[in-house]
Structures are given as structure tokens and as C-alpha cells.
Amino acid sequence: MQNEVQILRQAMLNEVEGAEFYKISAEKFAPSGTKEALLDLASQEESHIEYLRSLSEKILDDSKEINFDPEDLKKEVPSPGIFNWDKIDEDLVRLAVTVFSVGLNMEKDSVKFYEEAKDKVENEDSKKLFDILVKWEQSHVDTLQKQYEIYQQEWWNMQNFEPF
């Protein structure tokens, strides 16, 4: 299980970097749905950090049993909810496109990380865990992709650009 612990520690670092990115990005926006959404993403990443930390502690302590049941895991750290997004000031559209593009790529990298981690472990329960972590990160990808497309369209409109 030492391999799983190393993977979970790297995963925690990935989540820390994501949380910090979302917090720093949120500082660039006036109070708005966008700022709140970024802070919500940061909070979700922090929840993931704590969950991953508790998992690695349980793995290191043979006396503690890890419950890998997918439904129970979802209850411990629920999937992200639906964000309430709003339009932002035109001056910040370019920044929003960049922030959401970077965030989207970070989340895609996290999905890839967990998919690759699954291939590195032999324990079936660990594989199930990594499947759940892929789903968490994929939900962020899906959310960020939708918002990125909205900001991308706004930017195109500001440039009087029609891609079709």
C-alpha cells in the first residue's frame, strides 16, 4: 500500500496547487458569481486535500479499516454542486477566459493523474478509489468547460468574431 500513499501525497499536492490557483484567480474579480464560483472550487479542492490526507493516514495505520465503497465515499466527500454563474464586466472577460482555460487544463491533468494512478496499483479497492477521484475531477472539468465556452463566446462577441 506504500505505492498508494505516494500517489495520494502527490494528489494532495495537486489539490493544494489547484486550491491556490482558484483563490489567487478569485482575487482578480470584484464580488460576483465568478468570484464565488472560483472560491467554491478552491473550497472543494481543500475538501479533497483533507479527504486524501485521511485516506493516506488510514493506509499507513494497518489497524484502521478503509471503506472503499463508492457510495460511502461519495457521502464523505460529496461531488461538487452546481454553481450559480453570472456575467462579468467586459474588462474582465479576457481574464476570465484565461483563468477558466488554465483551470480546465489543471482539472484535465488531475483526471489523467488519477487514471494513470489506477494503472499503477494492483489492489482492486484502490482502483475503485481512483475511479471515484477521476469522477470528482471530471465534474470540475465539465463545469469549467461550460463556463469557459460562455466566456469564449462573450470574448468572440466583443471582437465581433463569428467562428461559423
N, C-alpha and C. Protein backbone atom coordinates (compact mmCIF):
# COMPACT_ATOMS: atom_id res chain seq x y z
N MET A 1 0.81 -1.20 0.00
CA MET A 1 0.00 0.00 0.00
C MET A 1 0.86 1.27 0.00
N GLN A 2 2.16 1.11 0.13
CA GLN A 2 3.05 2.28 0.13
C GLN A 2 2.92 3.06 -1.19
N ASN A 3 2.74 2.35 -2.29
CA ASN A 3 2.57 2.99 -3.59
C ASN A 3 1.33 3.89 -3.58
N GLU A 4 0.24 3.39 -2.97
CA GLU A 4 -0.98 4.17 -2.87
C GLU A 4 -0.76 5.45 -2.07
N VAL A 5 0.01 5.34 -0.98
CA VAL A 5 0.29 6.51 -0.15
C VAL A 5 1.07 7.55 -0.94
N GLN A 6 2.07 7.12 -1.69
CA GLN A 6 2.84 8.07 -2.51
C GLN A 6 1.94 8.76 -3.53
N ILE A 7 1.07 8.01 -4.15
CA ILE A 7 0.15 8.59 -5.13
C ILE A 7 -0.79 9.58 -4.45
N LEU A 8 -1.31 9.22 -3.28
CA LEU A 8 -2.22 10.13 -2.57
C LEU A 8 -1.50 11.40 -2.12
N ARG A 9 -0.25 11.30 -1.75
CA ARG A 9 0.50 12.50 -1.36
C ARG A 9 0.70 13.42 -2.55
N GLN A 10 1.01 12.85 -3.71
CA GLN A 10 1.13 13.67 -4.92
C GLN A 10 -0.23 14.29 -5.26
N ALA A 11 -1.28 13.50 -5.07
CA ALA A 11 -2.63 14.01 -5.33
C ALA A 11 -2.95 15.19 -4.41
N MET A 12 -2.53 15.10 -3.13
CA MET A 12 -2.76 16.21 -2.20
C MET A 12 -2.05 17.47 -2.69
N LEU A 13 -0.82 17.32 -3.15
CA LEU A 13 -0.08 18.47 -3.66
C LEU A 13 -0.80 19.06 -4.88
N ASN A 14 -1.29 18.21 -5.76
CA ASN A 14 -2.04 18.68 -6.92
C ASN A 14 -3.26 19.50 -6.48
N GLU A 15 -3.95 19.00 -5.46
CA GLU A 15 -5.14 19.70 -4.96
C GLU A 15 -4.76 21.03 -4.30
N VAL A 16 -3.63 21.05 -3.59
CA VAL A 16 -3.16 22.31 -2.98
C VAL A 16 -2.90 23.34 -4.08
N GLU A 17 -2.22 22.92 -5.13
CA GLU A 17 -1.93 23.85 -6.23
C GLU A 17 -3.22 24.35 -6.87
N GLY A 18 -4.19 23.47 -7.04
CA GLY A 18 -5.46 23.87 -7.61
C GLY A 18 -6.18 24.86 -6.72
N ALA A 19 -6.23 24.59 -5.42
CA ALA A 19 -6.90 25.48 -4.48
C ALA A 19 -6.26 26.87 -4.50
N GLU A 20 -4.93 26.90 -4.49
CA GLU A 20 -4.24 28.19 -4.51
C GLU A 20 -4.49 28.95 -5.81
N PHE A 21 -4.50 28.24 -6.93
CA PHE A 21 -4.78 28.89 -8.21
C PHE A 21 -6.17 29.52 -8.19
N TYR A 22 -7.17 28.79 -7.71
CA TYR A 22 -8.53 29.33 -7.70
C TYR A 22 -8.65 30.52 -6.75
N LYS A 23 -7.96 30.47 -5.61
CA LYS A 23 -8.00 31.60 -4.66
C LYS A 23 -7.35 32.84 -5.27
N ILE A 24 -6.18 32.66 -5.86
CA ILE A 24 -5.48 33.80 -6.47
C ILE A 24 -6.31 34.37 -7.61
N SER A 25 -6.90 33.51 -8.41
CA SER A 25 -7.74 33.97 -9.52
C SER A 25 -8.95 34.72 -9.01
N ALA A 26 -9.56 34.23 -7.95
CA ALA A 26 -10.75 34.87 -7.39
C ALA A 26 -10.46 36.30 -6.94
N GLU A 27 -9.23 36.54 -6.46
CA GLU A 27 -8.86 37.88 -6.00
C GLU A 27 -8.93 38.92 -7.12
N LYS A 28 -8.87 38.48 -8.36
CA LYS A 28 -8.86 39.40 -9.50
C LYS A 28 -10.26 39.92 -9.85
N PHE A 29 -11.27 39.29 -9.29
CA PHE A 29 -12.65 39.64 -9.63
C PHE A 29 -13.33 40.37 -8.49
N ALA A 30 -14.15 41.36 -8.85
CA ALA A 30 -15.00 42.02 -7.87
C ALA A 30 -16.02 40.99 -7.38
N PRO A 31 -16.67 41.28 -6.25
CA PRO A 31 -17.70 40.34 -5.80
C PRO A 31 -18.69 40.04 -6.93
N SER A 32 -18.80 38.76 -7.24
CA SER A 32 -19.65 38.33 -8.35
C SER A 32 -19.81 36.83 -8.27
N GLY A 33 -20.65 36.31 -9.14
CA GLY A 33 -20.82 34.86 -9.21
C GLY A 33 -19.54 34.18 -9.63
N THR A 34 -18.76 34.84 -10.47
CA THR A 34 -17.49 34.26 -10.92
C THR A 34 -16.53 34.13 -9.75
N LYS A 35 -16.41 35.20 -8.96
CA LYS A 35 -15.52 35.15 -7.80
C LYS A 35 -15.97 34.05 -6.84
N GLU A 36 -17.27 34.00 -6.57
CA GLU A 36 -17.79 32.99 -5.66
C GLU A 36 -17.57 31.58 -6.20
N ALA A 37 -17.72 31.39 -7.50
CA ALA A 37 -17.50 30.07 -8.10
C ALA A 37 -16.05 29.64 -7.94
N LEU A 38 -15.13 30.58 -8.16
CA LEU A 38 -13.70 30.25 -8.01
C LEU A 38 -13.38 29.91 -6.56
N LEU A 39 -13.95 30.67 -5.62
CA LEU A 39 -13.73 30.37 -4.21
C LEU A 39 -14.36 29.03 -3.83
N ASP A 40 -15.49 28.71 -4.44
CA ASP A 40 -16.14 27.43 -4.20
C ASP A 40 -15.25 26.29 -4.72
N LEU A 41 -14.67 26.47 -5.89
CA LEU A 41 -13.75 25.46 -6.42
C LEU A 41 -12.56 25.28 -5.48
N ALA A 42 -12.02 26.39 -4.96
CA ALA A 42 -10.90 26.31 -4.01
C ALA A 42 -11.31 25.52 -2.78
N SER A 43 -12.51 25.79 -2.29
CA SER A 43 -13.01 25.09 -1.10
C SER A 43 -13.16 23.60 -1.37
N GLN A 44 -13.65 23.26 -2.56
CA GLN A 44 -13.78 21.84 -2.91
C GLN A 44 -12.42 21.17 -2.97
N GLU A 45 -11.44 21.87 -3.53
CA GLU A 45 -10.09 21.30 -3.60
C GLU A 45 -9.55 21.08 -2.19
N GLU A 46 -9.83 22.02 -1.27
CA GLU A 46 -9.37 21.87 0.11
C GLU A 46 -10.05 20.68 0.78
N SER A 47 -11.32 20.45 0.47
CA SER A 47 -12.02 19.27 1.00
C SER A 47 -11.37 17.99 0.48
N HIS A 48 -10.97 18.02 -0.78
CA HIS A 48 -10.30 16.86 -1.36
C HIS A 48 -8.97 16.61 -0.64
N ILE A 49 -8.24 17.68 -0.32
CA ILE A 49 -6.96 17.55 0.38
C ILE A 49 -7.16 16.82 1.71
N GLU A 50 -8.12 17.28 2.48
CA GLU A 50 -8.37 16.67 3.80
C GLU A 50 -8.79 15.21 3.65
N TYR A 51 -9.61 14.94 2.68
CA TYR A 51 -10.04 13.56 2.47
C TYR A 51 -8.87 12.68 2.08
N LEU A 52 -8.05 13.15 1.16
CA LEU A 52 -6.88 12.38 0.73
C LEU A 52 -5.90 12.18 1.89
N ARG A 53 -5.75 13.20 2.74
CA ARG A 53 -4.88 13.07 3.91
C ARG A 53 -5.40 11.97 4.84
N SER A 54 -6.70 11.97 5.09
CA SER A 54 -7.24 10.95 5.99
C SER A 54 -7.10 9.55 5.39
N LEU A 55 -7.24 9.45 4.08
CA LEU A 55 -7.04 8.15 3.43
C LEU A 55 -5.61 7.66 3.58
N SER A 56 -4.65 8.56 3.36
CA SER A 56 -3.25 8.12 3.46
C SER A 56 -2.91 7.73 4.90
N GLU A 57 -3.49 8.42 5.88
CA GLU A 57 -3.25 8.05 7.28
C GLU A 57 -3.83 6.67 7.58
N LYS A 58 -5.00 6.39 7.04
CA LYS A 58 -5.61 5.07 7.26
C LYS A 58 -4.78 3.97 6.59
N ILE A 59 -4.25 4.27 5.42
CA ILE A 59 -3.43 3.27 4.73
C ILE A 59 -2.17 2.97 5.53
N LEU A 60 -1.57 4.00 6.13
CA LEU A 60 -0.35 3.81 6.91
C LEU A 60 -0.61 3.09 8.23
N ASP A 61 -1.80 3.23 8.78
CA ASP A 61 -2.15 2.60 10.05
C ASP A 61 -2.96 1.34 9.75
N ASP A 62 -2.30 0.21 9.82
CA ASP A 62 -2.95 -1.06 9.47
C ASP A 62 -4.16 -1.37 10.34
N SER A 63 -4.25 -0.75 11.51
CA SER A 63 -5.37 -1.05 12.40
C SER A 63 -6.66 -0.34 11.97
N LYS A 64 -6.52 0.66 11.12
CA LYS A 64 -7.71 1.38 10.65
C LYS A 64 -8.16 0.81 9.32
N GLU A 65 -9.45 0.56 9.24
CA GLU A 65 -10.00 -0.01 8.02
C GLU A 65 -10.46 1.11 7.09
N ILE A 66 -10.18 0.95 5.82
CA ILE A 66 -10.59 1.93 4.82
C ILE A 66 -11.84 1.40 4.14
N ASN A 67 -12.85 2.23 4.11
CA ASN A 67 -14.08 1.85 3.42
C ASN A 67 -13.98 2.36 1.99
N PHE A 68 -13.85 1.45 1.05
CA PHE A 68 -13.72 1.83 -0.35
C PHE A 68 -15.06 1.75 -1.08
N ASP A 69 -16.15 1.57 -0.35
CA ASP A 69 -17.44 1.51 -1.01
C ASP A 69 -17.73 2.86 -1.69
N PRO A 70 -17.95 2.85 -3.00
CA PRO A 70 -18.13 4.11 -3.73
C PRO A 70 -19.24 5.00 -3.17
N GLU A 71 -20.34 4.40 -2.76
CA GLU A 71 -21.45 5.21 -2.24
C GLU A 71 -21.09 5.87 -0.91
N ASP A 72 -20.38 5.15 -0.07
CA ASP A 72 -19.94 5.73 1.21
C ASP A 72 -18.92 6.84 0.97
N LEU A 73 -18.01 6.63 0.01
CA LEU A 73 -17.02 7.65 -0.30
C LEU A 73 -17.69 8.93 -0.80
N LYS A 74 -18.72 8.78 -1.59
CA LYS A 74 -19.43 9.96 -2.10
C LYS A 74 -20.06 10.75 -0.96
N LYS A 75 -20.51 10.03 0.08
CA LYS A 75 -21.11 10.71 1.23
C LYS A 75 -20.05 11.46 2.03
N GLU A 76 -18.85 10.89 2.14
CA GLU A 76 -17.79 11.54 2.91
C GLU A 76 -17.31 12.82 2.24
N VAL A 77 -17.13 12.78 0.95
CA VAL A 77 -16.74 13.97 0.19
C VAL A 77 -17.67 14.02 -1.02
N PRO A 78 -18.76 14.78 -0.90
CA PRO A 78 -19.72 14.79 -1.99
C PRO A 78 -19.16 15.45 -3.24
N SER A 79 -19.75 15.08 -4.35
CA SER A 79 -19.42 15.68 -5.63
C SER A 79 -19.74 17.17 -5.59
N PRO A 80 -19.03 17.96 -6.37
CA PRO A 80 -19.33 19.39 -6.39
C PRO A 80 -20.77 19.64 -6.83
N GLY A 81 -21.35 20.68 -6.27
CA GLY A 81 -22.71 21.07 -6.65
C GLY A 81 -22.71 21.91 -7.90
N ILE A 82 -23.86 22.39 -8.24
CA ILE A 82 -23.99 23.24 -9.43
C ILE A 82 -23.71 24.67 -9.02
N PHE A 83 -22.87 25.33 -9.79
CA PHE A 83 -22.51 26.71 -9.49
C PHE A 83 -23.55 27.66 -10.07
N ASN A 84 -23.69 28.80 -9.42
CA ASN A 84 -24.50 29.88 -9.97
C ASN A 84 -23.55 30.89 -10.58
N TRP A 85 -23.45 30.88 -11.89
CA TRP A 85 -22.53 31.74 -12.60
C TRP A 85 -23.24 33.00 -13.04
N ASP A 86 -22.52 34.09 -13.17
CA ASP A 86 -23.11 35.28 -13.77
C ASP A 86 -22.14 35.87 -14.75
N LYS A 87 -22.61 36.82 -15.50
CA LYS A 87 -21.75 37.51 -16.48
C LYS A 87 -20.82 38.44 -15.71
N ILE A 88 -19.65 38.66 -16.26
CA ILE A 88 -18.72 39.57 -15.61
C ILE A 88 -18.53 40.79 -16.49
N ASP A 89 -17.94 41.80 -15.93
CA ASP A 89 -17.66 43.04 -16.64
C ASP A 89 -16.83 42.74 -17.88
N GLU A 90 -17.10 43.47 -18.96
CA GLU A 90 -16.39 43.22 -20.22
C GLU A 90 -14.88 43.33 -20.07
N ASP A 91 -14.43 44.21 -19.17
CA ASP A 91 -12.98 44.38 -18.98
C ASP A 91 -12.33 43.11 -18.43
N LEU A 92 -13.13 42.25 -17.82
CA LEU A 92 -12.57 41.04 -17.21
C LEU A 92 -12.81 39.78 -18.03
N VAL A 93 -13.47 39.92 -19.17
CA VAL A 93 -13.76 38.73 -19.97
C VAL A 93 -12.47 38.03 -20.41
N ARG A 94 -11.49 38.80 -20.85
CA ARG A 94 -10.21 38.21 -21.29
C ARG A 94 -9.56 37.44 -20.14
N LEU A 95 -9.57 38.04 -18.95
CA LEU A 95 -9.01 37.37 -17.78
C LEU A 95 -9.80 36.10 -17.47
N ALA A 96 -11.11 36.19 -17.55
CA ALA A 96 -11.95 35.03 -17.25
C ALA A 96 -11.67 33.89 -18.22
N VAL A 97 -11.52 34.21 -19.50
CA VAL A 97 -11.21 33.18 -20.49
C VAL A 97 -9.90 32.49 -20.11
N THR A 98 -8.92 33.27 -19.73
CA THR A 98 -7.61 32.71 -19.35
C THR A 98 -7.72 31.86 -18.09
N VAL A 99 -8.37 32.39 -17.06
CA VAL A 99 -8.49 31.67 -15.79
C VAL A 99 -9.20 30.34 -15.98
N PHE A 100 -10.31 30.38 -16.70
CA PHE A 100 -11.07 29.15 -16.87
C PHE A 100 -10.35 28.17 -17.80
N SER A 101 -9.60 28.67 -18.74
CA SER A 101 -8.80 27.79 -19.60
C SER A 101 -7.72 27.08 -18.79
N VAL A 102 -7.00 27.84 -17.97
CA VAL A 102 -5.95 27.23 -17.13
C VAL A 102 -6.56 26.24 -16.15
N GLY A 103 -7.65 26.65 -15.49
CA GLY A 103 -8.32 25.75 -14.55
C GLY A 103 -8.79 24.48 -15.22
N LEU A 104 -9.33 24.62 -16.40
CA LEU A 104 -9.81 23.47 -17.17
C LEU A 104 -8.65 22.51 -17.46
N ASN A 105 -7.52 23.05 -17.87
CA ASN A 105 -6.35 22.19 -18.15
C ASN A 105 -5.82 21.54 -16.88
N MET A 106 -5.84 22.26 -15.76
CA MET A 106 -5.40 21.67 -14.48
C MET A 106 -6.30 20.49 -14.11
N GLU A 107 -7.60 20.67 -14.25
CA GLU A 107 -8.53 19.60 -13.89
C GLU A 107 -8.39 18.41 -14.83
N LYS A 108 -8.16 18.67 -16.12
CA LYS A 108 -7.93 17.57 -17.06
C LYS A 108 -6.66 16.81 -16.68
N ASP A 109 -5.64 17.54 -16.24
CA ASP A 109 -4.41 16.88 -15.79
C ASP A 109 -4.66 16.02 -14.56
N SER A 110 -5.55 16.49 -13.67
CA SER A 110 -5.89 15.70 -12.49
C SER A 110 -6.60 14.41 -12.87
N VAL A 111 -7.51 14.50 -13.83
CA VAL A 111 -8.19 13.30 -14.31
C VAL A 111 -7.16 12.31 -14.84
N LYS A 112 -6.24 12.80 -15.66
CA LYS A 112 -5.20 11.94 -16.22
C LYS A 112 -4.32 11.33 -15.11
N PHE A 113 -3.98 12.15 -14.11
CA PHE A 113 -3.16 11.68 -12.99
C PHE A 113 -3.83 10.49 -12.31
N TYR A 114 -5.13 10.61 -12.00
CA TYR A 114 -5.83 9.52 -11.31
C TYR A 114 -6.02 8.31 -12.21
N GLU A 115 -6.23 8.53 -13.50
CA GLU A 115 -6.35 7.40 -14.42
C GLU A 115 -5.03 6.63 -14.49
N GLU A 116 -3.92 7.36 -14.52
CA GLU A 116 -2.61 6.72 -14.54
C GLU A 116 -2.30 6.05 -13.20
N ALA A 117 -2.73 6.68 -12.10
CA ALA A 117 -2.51 6.10 -10.78
C ALA A 117 -3.23 4.76 -10.66
N LYS A 118 -4.41 4.68 -11.22
CA LYS A 118 -5.17 3.42 -11.19
C LYS A 118 -4.38 2.29 -11.85
N ASP A 119 -3.65 2.62 -12.91
CA ASP A 119 -2.85 1.60 -13.60
C ASP A 119 -1.61 1.18 -12.82
N LYS A 120 -1.24 1.97 -11.82
CA LYS A 120 -0.01 1.68 -11.06
C LYS A 120 -0.26 0.85 -9.81
N VAL A 121 -1.52 0.60 -9.48
CA VAL A 121 -1.82 -0.16 -8.27
C VAL A 121 -2.47 -1.49 -8.65
N GLU A 122 -2.32 -2.45 -7.76
CA GLU A 122 -2.89 -3.77 -8.01
C GLU A 122 -4.14 -4.02 -7.19
N ASN A 123 -4.25 -3.38 -6.07
CA ASN A 123 -5.38 -3.57 -5.17
C ASN A 123 -6.67 -3.07 -5.82
N GLU A 124 -7.68 -3.93 -5.88
CA GLU A 124 -8.94 -3.57 -6.54
C GLU A 124 -9.67 -2.44 -5.81
N ASP A 125 -9.57 -2.42 -4.47
CA ASP A 125 -10.19 -1.33 -3.73
C ASP A 125 -9.53 0.01 -4.07
N SER A 126 -8.22 0.00 -4.22
CA SER A 126 -7.51 1.22 -4.60
C SER A 126 -7.94 1.67 -6.00
N LYS A 127 -8.11 0.73 -6.88
CA LYS A 127 -8.58 1.06 -8.23
C LYS A 127 -9.95 1.73 -8.18
N LYS A 128 -10.83 1.21 -7.31
CA LYS A 128 -12.16 1.81 -7.15
C LYS A 128 -12.04 3.24 -6.63
N LEU A 129 -11.13 3.44 -5.67
CA LEU A 129 -10.91 4.77 -5.13
C LEU A 129 -10.49 5.74 -6.24
N PHE A 130 -9.54 5.32 -7.06
CA PHE A 130 -9.07 6.20 -8.13
C PHE A 130 -10.17 6.47 -9.16
N ASP A 131 -11.06 5.51 -9.37
CA ASP A 131 -12.21 5.76 -10.25
C ASP A 131 -13.08 6.88 -9.69
N ILE A 132 -13.28 6.88 -8.38
CA ILE A 132 -14.09 7.93 -7.75
C ILE A 132 -13.38 9.28 -7.86
N LEU A 133 -12.07 9.28 -7.64
CA LEU A 133 -11.33 10.54 -7.74
C LEU A 133 -11.37 11.07 -9.17
N VAL A 134 -11.35 10.20 -10.15
CA VAL A 134 -11.50 10.63 -11.55
C VAL A 134 -12.85 11.32 -11.72
N LYS A 135 -13.89 10.75 -11.14
CA LYS A 135 -15.23 11.34 -11.27
C LYS A 135 -15.29 12.73 -10.62
N TRP A 136 -14.66 12.89 -9.46
CA TRP A 136 -14.62 14.21 -8.81
C TRP A 136 -14.02 15.24 -9.75
N GLU A 137 -12.84 14.90 -10.26
CA GLU A 137 -12.13 15.86 -11.11
C GLU A 137 -12.86 16.08 -12.43
N GLN A 138 -13.48 15.02 -12.95
CA GLN A 138 -14.22 15.16 -14.20
C GLN A 138 -15.42 16.11 -14.01
N SER A 139 -16.01 16.11 -12.83
CA SER A 139 -17.12 17.04 -12.59
C SER A 139 -16.62 18.48 -12.64
N HIS A 140 -15.39 18.72 -12.18
CA HIS A 140 -14.80 20.06 -12.30
C HIS A 140 -14.54 20.38 -13.77
N VAL A 141 -14.02 19.41 -14.52
CA VAL A 141 -13.78 19.62 -15.95
C VAL A 141 -15.08 20.02 -16.64
N ASP A 142 -16.13 19.29 -16.37
CA ASP A 142 -17.41 19.56 -17.03
C ASP A 142 -17.92 20.96 -16.70
N THR A 143 -17.83 21.33 -15.43
CA THR A 143 -18.29 22.65 -15.01
C THR A 143 -17.46 23.76 -15.63
N LEU A 144 -16.14 23.61 -15.56
CA LEU A 144 -15.26 24.64 -16.12
C LEU A 144 -15.40 24.73 -17.64
N GLN A 145 -15.59 23.61 -18.30
CA GLN A 145 -15.75 23.61 -19.75
C GLN A 145 -16.96 24.45 -20.16
N LYS A 146 -18.08 24.25 -19.47
CA LYS A 146 -19.29 25.01 -19.78
C LYS A 146 -19.06 26.51 -19.60
N GLN A 147 -18.44 26.88 -18.49
CA GLN A 147 -18.23 28.30 -18.22
C GLN A 147 -17.19 28.88 -19.19
N TYR A 148 -16.17 28.11 -19.51
CA TYR A 148 -15.17 28.57 -20.47
C TYR A 148 -15.83 28.88 -21.80
N GLU A 149 -16.71 28.01 -22.23
CA GLU A 149 -17.39 28.23 -23.51
C GLU A 149 -18.24 29.50 -23.48
N ILE A 150 -18.86 29.79 -22.35
CA ILE A 150 -19.64 31.04 -22.22
C ILE A 150 -18.72 32.25 -22.37
N TYR A 151 -17.60 32.24 -21.64
CA TYR A 151 -16.68 33.38 -21.71
C TYR A 151 -16.02 33.48 -23.08
N GLN A 152 -15.75 32.35 -23.68
CA GLN A 152 -15.17 32.34 -25.02
C GLN A 152 -16.14 33.01 -26.00
N GLN A 153 -17.40 32.66 -25.90
CA GLN A 153 -18.40 33.27 -26.77
C GLN A 153 -18.52 34.77 -26.50
N GLU A 154 -18.48 35.17 -25.24
CA GLU A 154 -18.52 36.59 -24.90
C GLU A 154 -17.33 37.32 -25.52
N TRP A 155 -16.16 36.71 -25.43
CA TRP A 155 -14.97 37.34 -26.00
C TRP A 155 -15.11 37.48 -27.51
N TRP A 156 -15.59 36.41 -28.16
CA TRP A 156 -15.79 36.48 -29.60
C TRP A 156 -16.78 37.59 -29.96
N ASN A 157 -17.85 37.70 -29.18
CA ASN A 157 -18.83 38.75 -29.43
C ASN A 157 -18.22 40.14 -29.29
N MET A 158 -17.37 40.30 -28.28
CA MET A 158 -16.71 41.60 -28.08
C MET A 158 -15.79 41.93 -29.26
N GLN A 159 -15.25 40.89 -29.90
CA GLN A 159 -14.34 41.09 -31.02
C GLN A 159 -15.09 41.12 -32.36
N ASN A 160 -16.42 41.01 -32.28
CA ASN A 160 -17.25 40.92 -33.48
C ASN A 160 -16.79 39.78 -34.37
N PHE A 161 -16.48 38.67 -33.72
CA PHE A 161 -16.00 37.49 -34.42
C PHE A 161 -17.04 36.40 -34.37
N GLU A 162 -17.38 35.86 -35.50
CA GLU A 162 -18.30 34.73 -35.58
C GLU A 162 -17.53 33.55 -36.17
N PRO A 163 -17.29 32.51 -35.39
CA PRO A 163 -16.49 31.38 -35.87
C PRO A 163 -17.18 30.55 -36.94
N PHE A 164 -18.46 30.77 -37.17
CA PHE A 164 -19.18 29.96 -38.17
C PHE A 164 -19.64 30.81 -39.33
